[in-house]
Amino acid sequence: MFRRTFWFTAGAAAGVWATTKVNRKLKQLTPESLAAQAANKAIEAGHRLKDFALDVRDGMAQREAELDEALGLGARPEVPGPRRFAAIENRNNPKYVERSTYSYNRNEDH
């Protein structure tokens, strides 16, 4: 009699365990759950990509500093500002303009 009670209880426990396991798996496979999992994975991948890009940027800056030190390029030269073009209309009293209307691009069609 105890044997039958033991196996009945073991079978009921296994049934409850299996039912719970199947229900959890079914909830994981719903479209909403799959969409949430995909979004979480995408966010995680974005964070990893951002961390990788920051590591690459730090490595580039470190290597550039090493090369500058090795080549003796400690101070960077000043870059001159944009040039001004003198207007050709008035040669005696030229007015300087920020941009010329003349284009140096010979490939332009107009």
Protein backbone atom coordinates (compact mmCIF):
# COMPACT_ATOMS: atom_id res chain seq x y z
CA MET A 1 0.00 0.00 0.00
CA PHE A 2 2.83 2.43 0.83
CA ARG A 3 4.42 1.52 -2.46
CA ARG A 4 1.32 2.49 -4.41
CA THR A 5 0.97 5.74 -2.48
CA PHE A 6 4.64 6.56 -3.14
CA TRP A 7 4.36 5.98 -6.89
CA PHE A 8 1.05 7.84 -7.07
CA THR A 9 2.62 10.87 -5.32
CA ALA A 10 5.75 10.67 -7.48
CA GLY A 11 3.61 10.56 -10.63
CA ALA A 12 1.48 13.50 -9.50
CA ALA A 13 4.60 15.54 -8.68
CA ALA A 14 6.13 14.70 -12.08
CA GLY A 15 2.89 15.73 -13.79
CA VAL A 16 2.78 19.07 -11.97
CA TRP A 17 6.47 19.66 -12.74
CA ALA A 18 6.01 18.83 -16.45
CA THR A 19 2.87 20.97 -16.73
CA THR A 20 4.63 23.93 -15.14
CA LYS A 21 7.63 23.47 -17.43
CA VAL A 22 5.44 23.30 -20.56
CA ASN A 23 3.42 26.37 -19.54
CA ARG A 24 6.60 28.42 -18.97
CA LYS A 25 7.92 27.39 -22.38
CA LEU A 26 4.62 28.30 -24.05
CA LYS A 27 4.71 31.74 -22.41
CA GLN A 28 8.25 32.25 -23.73
CA LEU A 29 7.10 31.47 -27.27
CA THR A 30 4.27 34.01 -27.45
CA PRO A 31 4.80 36.79 -30.01
CA GLU A 32 4.98 39.46 -27.29
CA SER A 33 7.60 37.54 -25.36
CA LEU A 34 9.65 36.87 -28.50
CA ALA A 35 9.50 40.57 -29.42
CA ALA A 36 10.63 41.57 -25.93
CA GLN A 37 13.50 39.06 -26.06
CA ALA A 38 14.60 40.36 -29.46
CA ALA A 39 14.48 43.96 -28.22
CA ASN A 40 16.54 43.06 -25.16
CA LYS A 41 19.12 41.29 -27.32
CA ALA A 42 19.29 44.28 -29.68
CA ILE A 43 19.82 46.67 -26.78
CA GLU A 44 22.51 44.39 -25.35
CA ALA A 45 24.23 44.20 -28.75
CA GLY A 46 24.08 48.00 -29.03
CA HIS A 47 25.74 48.39 -25.63
CA ARG A 48 28.46 45.93 -26.61
CA LEU A 49 29.02 47.75 -29.90
CA LYS A 50 29.22 51.10 -28.09
CA ASP A 51 31.75 49.68 -25.60
CA PHE A 52 33.79 48.29 -28.49
CA ALA A 53 33.76 51.65 -30.30
CA LEU A 54 34.87 53.44 -27.13
CA ASP A 55 37.69 50.93 -26.64
CA VAL A 56 38.80 51.42 -30.26
CA ARG A 57 38.71 55.21 -29.84
CA ASP A 58 40.79 55.01 -26.66
CA GLY A 59 43.28 52.70 -28.37
CA MET A 60 43.53 55.05 -31.35
CA ALA A 61 44.18 58.04 -29.11
CA GLN A 62 46.79 56.13 -27.16
CA ARG A 63 48.55 54.95 -30.33
CA GLU A 64 48.42 58.45 -31.82
CA ALA A 65 50.01 59.83 -28.66
CA GLU A 66 52.73 57.18 -28.86
CA LEU A 67 53.43 58.02 -32.52
CA ASP A 68 53.45 61.77 -31.80
CA GLU A 69 55.96 61.21 -29.03
CA ALA A 70 58.10 58.92 -31.18
CA LEU A 71 58.12 61.38 -34.10
CA GLY A 72 58.52 64.48 -31.94
CA LEU A 73 55.18 65.99 -32.93
CA GLY A 74 54.16 67.10 -29.45
CA ALA A 75 52.62 70.43 -30.44
CA ARG A 76 50.09 70.54 -33.22
CA PRO A 77 50.40 73.50 -35.63
CA GLU A 78 47.62 76.05 -35.84
CA VAL A 79 45.37 75.65 -38.85
CA PRO A 80 44.87 78.98 -40.65
CA GLY A 81 41.36 80.33 -40.97
CA PRO A 82 39.48 80.51 -44.28
CA ARG A 83 40.86 82.92 -46.84
CA ARG A 84 38.95 85.93 -47.99
CA PHE A 85 38.64 86.79 -51.65
CA ALA A 86 38.91 90.37 -52.84
CA ALA A 87 36.06 91.56 -54.98
CA ILE A 88 37.28 92.42 -58.46
CA GLU A 89 34.63 95.07 -59.08
CA ASN A 90 36.36 97.88 -57.22
CA ARG A 91 40.16 97.60 -57.51
CA ASN A 92 40.99 100.84 -55.71
CA ASN A 93 38.88 100.06 -52.68
CA PRO A 94 38.44 96.28 -52.58
CA LYS A 95 35.78 94.83 -50.35
CA TYR A 96 36.50 91.46 -48.88
CA VAL A 97 33.84 88.82 -48.93
CA GLU A 98 33.68 85.58 -47.01
CA ARG A 99 32.88 83.48 -50.07
CA SER A 100 33.52 84.08 -53.68
CA THR A 101 30.87 83.39 -56.28
CA TYR A 102 33.56 81.97 -58.53
CA SER A 103 33.76 78.19 -58.31
CA TYR A 104 37.07 76.40 -58.65
CA ASN A 105 35.32 73.15 -59.45
CA ARG A 106 35.74 72.63 -63.18
CA ASN A 107 33.31 69.70 -63.17
CA GLU A 108 30.28 71.85 -62.50
CA ASP A 109 27.75 72.05 -65.31
CA HIS A 110 26.41 75.52 -64.53
